[in-house]
N, C-alpha and C. Protein backbone atom coordinates (compact mmCIF):
# COMPACT_ATOMS: atom_id res chain seq x y z
N MET A 1 6.24 7.68 -8.81
CA MET A 1 6.97 6.23 -9.73
C MET A 1 8.05 6.42 -8.79
N ALA A 2 8.42 5.45 -7.51
CA ALA A 2 9.70 4.98 -6.60
C ALA A 2 10.44 4.57 -7.46
N LYS A 3 11.81 4.81 -7.09
CA LYS A 3 12.55 4.10 -7.13
C LYS A 3 13.44 3.19 -6.67
N ILE A 4 14.08 2.12 -6.61
CA ILE A 4 14.30 1.23 -5.37
C ILE A 4 15.57 2.45 -4.43
N GLN A 5 15.72 2.34 -3.69
CA GLN A 5 16.34 2.95 -2.01
C GLN A 5 17.60 1.66 -1.71
N ILE A 6 18.61 1.77 -2.66
CA ILE A 6 19.60 0.75 -2.50
C ILE A 6 19.85 0.46 -1.14
N GLU A 7 20.17 1.03 -0.70
CA GLU A 7 20.54 0.88 1.30
C GLU A 7 19.98 0.08 1.39
N GLN A 8 18.96 0.53 1.42
CA GLN A 8 17.50 -0.77 2.12
C GLN A 8 17.57 -1.95 1.89
N LEU A 9 18.23 -2.58 1.63
CA LEU A 9 17.83 -3.68 0.48
C LEU A 9 18.29 -4.80 1.54
N THR A 10 18.17 -5.89 1.87
CA THR A 10 18.94 -6.33 3.64
C THR A 10 19.45 -7.61 2.72
N LYS A 11 18.83 -8.09 1.81
CA LYS A 11 18.94 -9.64 1.41
C LYS A 11 20.22 -9.30 0.19
N LEU A 12 20.58 -10.63 -0.12
CA LEU A 12 21.35 -11.17 -0.82
C LEU A 12 20.91 -11.12 -2.77
N TYR A 13 19.93 -11.90 -2.38
CA TYR A 13 19.13 -11.96 -4.13
C TYR A 13 17.91 -11.95 -3.44
N TYR A 14 17.52 -11.40 -5.13
CA TYR A 14 16.01 -10.51 -5.22
C TYR A 14 15.12 -11.66 -6.08
N SER A 15 13.95 -12.10 -5.93
CA SER A 15 12.90 -12.91 -7.23
C SER A 15 12.91 -12.09 -8.24
N ILE A 16 12.78 -11.94 -9.44
CA ILE A 16 12.00 -11.65 -10.38
C ILE A 16 10.14 -10.88 -10.15
N GLY A 17 9.81 -11.69 -9.18
CA GLY A 17 8.47 -10.66 -8.78
C GLY A 17 8.87 -9.87 -7.59
N GLU A 18 9.89 -9.88 -6.97
CA GLU A 18 10.51 -8.95 -5.38
C GLU A 18 10.66 -7.76 -5.80
N VAL A 19 10.99 -7.67 -7.05
CA VAL A 19 11.95 -6.37 -8.26
C VAL A 19 11.09 -6.03 -8.53
N SER A 20 9.46 -6.66 -9.16
CA SER A 20 8.84 -6.00 -9.67
C SER A 20 7.67 -5.30 -9.04
N LYS A 21 7.72 -6.45 -7.78
CA LYS A 21 7.06 -5.32 -6.61
C LYS A 21 7.41 -4.06 -6.15
N LEU A 22 8.63 -4.08 -6.05
CA LEU A 22 9.53 -2.23 -5.34
C LEU A 22 9.56 -1.71 -6.42
N LEU A 23 9.48 -1.81 -7.31
CA LEU A 23 9.49 -0.74 -8.74
C LEU A 23 8.05 -0.73 -9.46
N SER A 24 6.85 -1.30 -8.72
CA SER A 24 5.48 -1.65 -9.28
C SER A 24 5.45 -1.81 -11.00
N VAL A 25 6.47 -2.40 -11.31
CA VAL A 25 6.13 -2.68 -12.66
C VAL A 25 6.00 -4.39 -13.28
N ASN A 26 5.30 -5.10 -14.33
CA ASN A 26 5.00 -6.19 -14.31
C ASN A 26 6.61 -7.37 -13.99
N PRO A 27 7.07 -8.53 -14.71
CA PRO A 27 7.49 -9.43 -14.60
C PRO A 27 8.33 -9.20 -16.01
N SER A 28 7.69 -9.39 -16.70
CA SER A 28 7.78 -8.43 -18.43
C SER A 28 8.32 -7.98 -18.60
N LEU A 29 7.97 -6.67 -17.81
CA LEU A 29 9.00 -5.19 -18.07
C LEU A 29 10.16 -5.23 -17.90
N LEU A 30 10.48 -6.25 -16.75
CA LEU A 30 12.13 -6.84 -16.66
C LEU A 30 11.97 -7.20 -17.30
N ARG A 31 12.01 -8.37 -17.93
CA ARG A 31 12.43 -9.55 -19.04
C ARG A 31 13.30 -8.95 -19.97
N PHE A 32 11.64 -7.62 -20.69
CA PHE A 32 11.88 -7.11 -22.16
C PHE A 32 13.28 -6.10 -21.77
N TRP A 33 13.54 -5.19 -20.61
CA TRP A 33 15.07 -5.19 -20.31
C TRP A 33 15.61 -5.19 -20.47
N GLU A 34 16.25 -7.06 -19.48
CA GLU A 34 16.94 -7.23 -19.95
C GLU A 34 17.19 -8.01 -21.28
N ARG A 35 16.43 -8.17 -22.29
CA ARG A 35 16.22 -8.53 -23.48
C ARG A 35 17.43 -7.11 -24.23
N GLU A 36 16.63 -6.06 -24.40
CA GLU A 36 17.17 -4.76 -24.38
C GLU A 36 18.46 -4.42 -24.28
N PHE A 37 18.24 -4.07 -23.41
CA PHE A 37 19.83 -3.42 -22.44
C PHE A 37 20.97 -4.57 -22.57
N ASN A 38 20.94 -5.92 -23.08
CA ASN A 38 21.22 -7.20 -23.14
C ASN A 38 21.96 -7.19 -20.85
N LEU A 39 21.42 -7.01 -19.92
CA LEU A 39 21.16 -6.70 -18.72
C LEU A 39 21.65 -8.68 -18.36
N THR A 40 22.68 -9.31 -17.51
CA THR A 40 23.07 -10.43 -17.77
C THR A 40 22.57 -11.31 -16.00
N VAL A 41 21.23 -11.76 -15.44
CA VAL A 41 20.98 -11.39 -14.14
C VAL A 41 21.46 -13.32 -13.95
N ALA A 42 22.69 -13.10 -12.82
CA ALA A 42 24.50 -14.20 -13.16
C ALA A 42 23.47 -15.70 -12.40
N LYS A 43 22.68 -15.40 -11.36
CA LYS A 43 21.78 -16.44 -10.77
C LYS A 43 20.35 -16.89 -11.32
N LYS A 44 20.44 -18.08 -11.25
CA LYS A 44 19.63 -18.40 -11.50
C LYS A 44 18.66 -19.43 -10.05
N ASN A 45 17.81 -20.15 -9.61
CA ASN A 45 17.82 -21.24 -9.14
C ASN A 45 16.93 -22.58 -9.31
N ASN A 46 17.31 -23.26 -8.70
CA ASN A 46 17.22 -24.65 -9.58
C ASN A 46 16.05 -24.58 -10.29
N LYS A 47 14.75 -23.88 -9.99
CA LYS A 47 13.61 -23.87 -11.41
C LYS A 47 13.82 -23.10 -12.26
N GLY A 48 14.87 -22.37 -12.57
CA GLY A 48 15.48 -21.98 -13.89
C GLY A 48 15.32 -20.11 -13.32
N ASN A 49 14.21 -19.55 -11.96
CA ASN A 49 13.78 -18.06 -11.57
C ASN A 49 15.16 -17.28 -10.96
N ARG A 50 15.13 -16.14 -11.78
CA ARG A 50 16.21 -15.26 -11.78
C ARG A 50 15.84 -14.29 -10.63
N LEU A 51 17.05 -14.39 -9.59
CA LEU A 51 17.86 -13.74 -8.94
C LEU A 51 18.58 -12.73 -9.01
N TYR A 52 18.12 -11.58 -8.36
CA TYR A 52 18.41 -10.98 -9.17
C TYR A 52 19.43 -9.74 -7.35
N SER A 53 20.98 -9.83 -7.89
CA SER A 53 21.60 -9.37 -7.16
C SER A 53 21.27 -7.72 -6.40
N VAL A 54 22.11 -7.12 -6.07
CA VAL A 54 21.60 -6.07 -5.48
C VAL A 54 22.71 -4.62 -6.62
N LYS A 55 23.68 -5.31 -6.80
CA LYS A 55 24.29 -4.89 -8.85
C LYS A 55 23.37 -4.86 -9.56
N GLU A 56 22.96 -5.74 -10.04
CA GLU A 56 22.18 -5.58 -10.55
C GLU A 56 20.48 -5.04 -10.18
N ILE A 57 20.16 -4.87 -9.36
CA ILE A 57 18.57 -4.47 -9.52
C ILE A 57 19.44 -2.79 -9.46
N SER A 58 20.76 -2.45 -8.94
CA SER A 58 20.90 -0.97 -9.86
C SER A 58 21.01 -1.19 -10.51
N GLU A 59 21.32 -1.50 -11.86
CA GLU A 59 20.87 -1.58 -13.23
C GLU A 59 19.99 -1.53 -13.47
N VAL A 60 18.97 -1.83 -13.12
CA VAL A 60 17.48 -1.58 -13.38
C VAL A 60 16.86 -0.99 -12.96
N ASN A 61 17.24 0.00 -11.83
CA ASN A 61 16.74 0.24 -11.70
C ASN A 61 17.49 2.42 -12.23
N THR A 62 18.13 1.81 -12.31
CA THR A 62 19.12 3.28 -13.51
C THR A 62 18.17 3.07 -14.30
N ILE A 63 17.85 1.88 -15.58
CA ILE A 63 17.19 2.22 -16.23
C ILE A 63 15.42 2.31 -16.11
N TYR A 64 14.82 2.09 -14.89
CA TYR A 64 13.71 2.41 -14.84
C TYR A 64 13.79 4.70 -13.95
N ASP A 65 14.75 4.62 -14.22
CA ASP A 65 14.76 5.51 -13.94
C ASP A 65 15.10 6.85 -15.27
N PHE A 66 15.63 6.54 -16.68
CA PHE A 66 15.49 6.43 -17.78
C PHE A 66 14.38 6.65 -18.29
N VAL A 67 13.27 5.29 -18.35
CA VAL A 67 12.56 5.21 -19.50
C VAL A 67 10.74 5.89 -18.40
N LYS A 68 11.03 5.03 -16.84
CA LYS A 68 9.73 5.40 -16.39
C LYS A 68 9.88 7.07 -15.89
N CYS A 69 10.73 7.68 -15.34
CA CYS A 69 11.26 8.69 -14.14
C CYS A 69 11.09 10.14 -15.86
N GLN A 70 12.41 9.77 -16.34
CA GLN A 70 12.98 11.19 -17.15
C GLN A 70 11.92 10.60 -18.65
N GLY A 71 11.54 10.02 -18.62
CA GLY A 71 10.64 9.77 -19.86
C GLY A 71 11.52 9.87 -21.15
N TYR A 72 12.37 8.94 -21.69
CA TYR A 72 13.41 9.00 -22.57
C TYR A 72 12.91 7.34 -23.17
N THR A 73 12.46 7.34 -24.56
CA THR A 73 13.08 6.28 -24.80
C THR A 73 13.73 4.94 -24.43
N ILE A 74 13.29 4.08 -24.94
CA ILE A 74 14.37 2.76 -25.22
C ILE A 74 15.87 3.18 -26.01
N GLU A 75 15.37 3.74 -26.74
CA GLU A 75 16.71 4.05 -27.40
C GLU A 75 17.44 4.87 -26.86
N GLY A 76 16.54 6.32 -26.13
CA GLY A 76 17.32 7.57 -25.42
C GLY A 76 18.18 6.40 -24.28
N ALA A 77 17.69 5.78 -23.55
CA ALA A 77 18.31 5.33 -22.84
C ALA A 77 19.34 4.55 -23.30
N LYS A 78 19.64 3.77 -24.04
CA LYS A 78 20.97 3.24 -24.06
C LYS A 78 22.34 4.28 -24.23
N LYS A 79 21.54 4.80 -25.33
CA LYS A 79 22.59 6.08 -25.40
C LYS A 79 23.06 6.71 -24.48
N ALA A 80 21.80 7.08 -23.54
CA ALA A 80 22.64 7.44 -21.96
C ALA A 80 22.76 7.24 -21.63
N LEU A 81 23.08 5.47 -21.12
CA LEU A 81 23.87 4.33 -20.56
C LEU A 81 25.34 4.08 -20.85
N LYS A 82 25.02 4.35 -22.22
CA LYS A 82 26.16 4.12 -23.36
C LYS A 82 27.39 5.72 -22.97
N GLY A 83 26.70 6.75 -22.91
CA GLY A 83 27.94 7.74 -22.79
C GLY A 83 27.78 8.08 -21.31
N GLY A 84 28.12 7.33 -20.11
CA GLY A 84 28.32 6.61 -19.23
C GLY A 84 27.14 7.23 -18.01
N ALA A 85 25.91 7.84 -18.95
CA ALA A 85 25.17 8.96 -17.51
C ALA A 85 24.72 8.17 -16.88
N SER A 86 24.54 8.06 -14.98
CA SER A 86 23.84 7.45 -14.01
C SER A 86 23.00 8.71 -13.50
N ILE A 87 22.03 7.40 -12.54
CA ILE A 87 20.79 8.51 -11.50
C ILE A 87 21.78 8.69 -10.19
N GLN A 88 22.86 8.22 -9.97
CA GLN A 88 23.66 8.78 -9.40
C GLN A 88 24.22 10.51 -9.00
N SER A 89 24.54 10.31 -10.20
CA SER A 89 25.35 12.14 -9.97
C SER A 89 24.29 13.09 -9.89
N SER A 90 25.13 13.47 -9.28
CA SER A 90 24.31 14.87 -8.54
C SER A 90 24.84 16.56 -9.37
N PRO A 91 24.29 17.19 -9.86
CA PRO A 91 24.21 18.49 -11.12
C PRO A 91 25.41 18.82 -10.89
N GLU A 92 26.33 18.69 -9.83
CA GLU A 92 27.16 19.20 -9.52
C GLU A 92 28.39 18.20 -11.01
N ASN A 93 28.43 17.28 -10.28
CA ASN A 93 28.89 15.28 -11.06
C ASN A 93 28.44 15.59 -13.10
N LYS A 94 27.80 16.25 -13.04
CA LYS A 94 26.92 16.42 -14.36
C LYS A 94 27.33 17.30 -15.34
N ASN A 95 27.58 18.64 -14.62
CA ASN A 95 28.62 19.58 -15.16
C ASN A 95 29.75 19.28 -14.88
N GLU A 96 30.20 18.61 -14.51
CA GLU A 96 31.69 18.19 -14.54
C GLU A 96 31.74 17.71 -15.89
N ILE A 97 31.45 16.41 -15.92
CA ILE A 97 31.20 15.32 -16.67
C ILE A 97 30.90 16.49 -18.00
N LEU A 98 29.57 16.80 -18.29
CA LEU A 98 29.72 17.73 -20.01
C LEU A 98 30.36 18.26 -19.54
N ILE A 99 31.12 19.57 -19.43
CA ILE A 99 32.78 20.25 -19.12
C ILE A 99 34.20 19.44 -19.97
N GLY A 100 33.92 18.68 -19.40
CA GLY A 100 34.43 17.54 -20.01
C GLY A 100 35.09 16.91 -20.95
N GLN A 101 33.75 16.36 -21.49
CA GLN A 101 33.08 16.05 -22.73
C GLN A 101 33.65 17.48 -23.59
N LEU A 102 33.19 18.27 -23.30
CA LEU A 102 33.16 19.53 -24.63
C LEU A 102 33.96 19.88 -24.75
N GLU A 103 35.48 20.07 -23.41
CA GLU A 103 36.61 20.33 -24.11
C GLU A 103 36.89 19.33 -24.40
N LYS A 104 36.68 17.86 -24.56
CA LYS A 104 37.58 16.93 -25.55
C LYS A 104 36.66 17.58 -27.00
N ILE A 105 36.29 17.50 -26.99
CA ILE A 105 35.45 17.69 -28.96
C ILE A 105 36.23 19.30 -29.29
N LYS A 106 36.25 20.00 -27.85
CA LYS A 106 37.45 21.43 -29.00
C LYS A 106 38.49 21.18 -29.37
N GLN A 107 38.99 19.95 -28.25
CA GLN A 107 40.44 19.82 -28.54
C GLN A 107 40.86 19.56 -29.41
N LYS A 108 39.63 18.37 -29.93
CA LYS A 108 39.08 17.99 -31.56
C LYS A 108 39.02 18.01 -32.56
N LEU A 109 38.48 19.49 -31.78
CA LEU A 109 37.89 20.98 -33.56
C LEU A 109 39.74 21.51 -33.25
N VAL A 110 39.94 21.48 -32.33
CA VAL A 110 40.92 22.69 -32.77
C VAL A 110 42.06 21.42 -33.64
N ALA A 111 42.42 20.69 -33.81
CA ALA A 111 42.70 19.60 -34.88
C ALA A 111 43.26 19.25 -35.60
N LEU A 112 41.58 19.57 -35.86
CA LEU A 112 40.77 19.39 -37.67
C LEU A 112 41.17 20.50 -37.92
N LYS A 113 41.23 21.75 -37.26
CA LYS A 113 41.12 23.83 -37.90
C LYS A 113 42.78 23.67 -38.39
N GLN A 114 43.73 22.88 -37.49
CA GLN A 114 44.64 23.11 -37.51
C GLN A 114 45.48 22.29 -38.78
């Protein structure tokens, strides 16, 4: 399972077929993810075909990583995305994020205790 290497993309826009080939998934799966994750593909050609920008491909790449690589369910991936998780996060950044979240929880618990 290979994610798209964003830095290797050379065009401004990619068709849904091109994106699906890069991820080795069916175009219908990308359309399903658009609905489930409220993704907006801002540009369409004259025929109405979706044209993905690099930013949109990056979002799809993140979903792909959660669902296909890490084994999240759709609901789990939605929660992870809402929680600010990212595939670009290094283990150190993930630890910093978790520590920050735990400190906020600790402050709330201390405030409740008083």
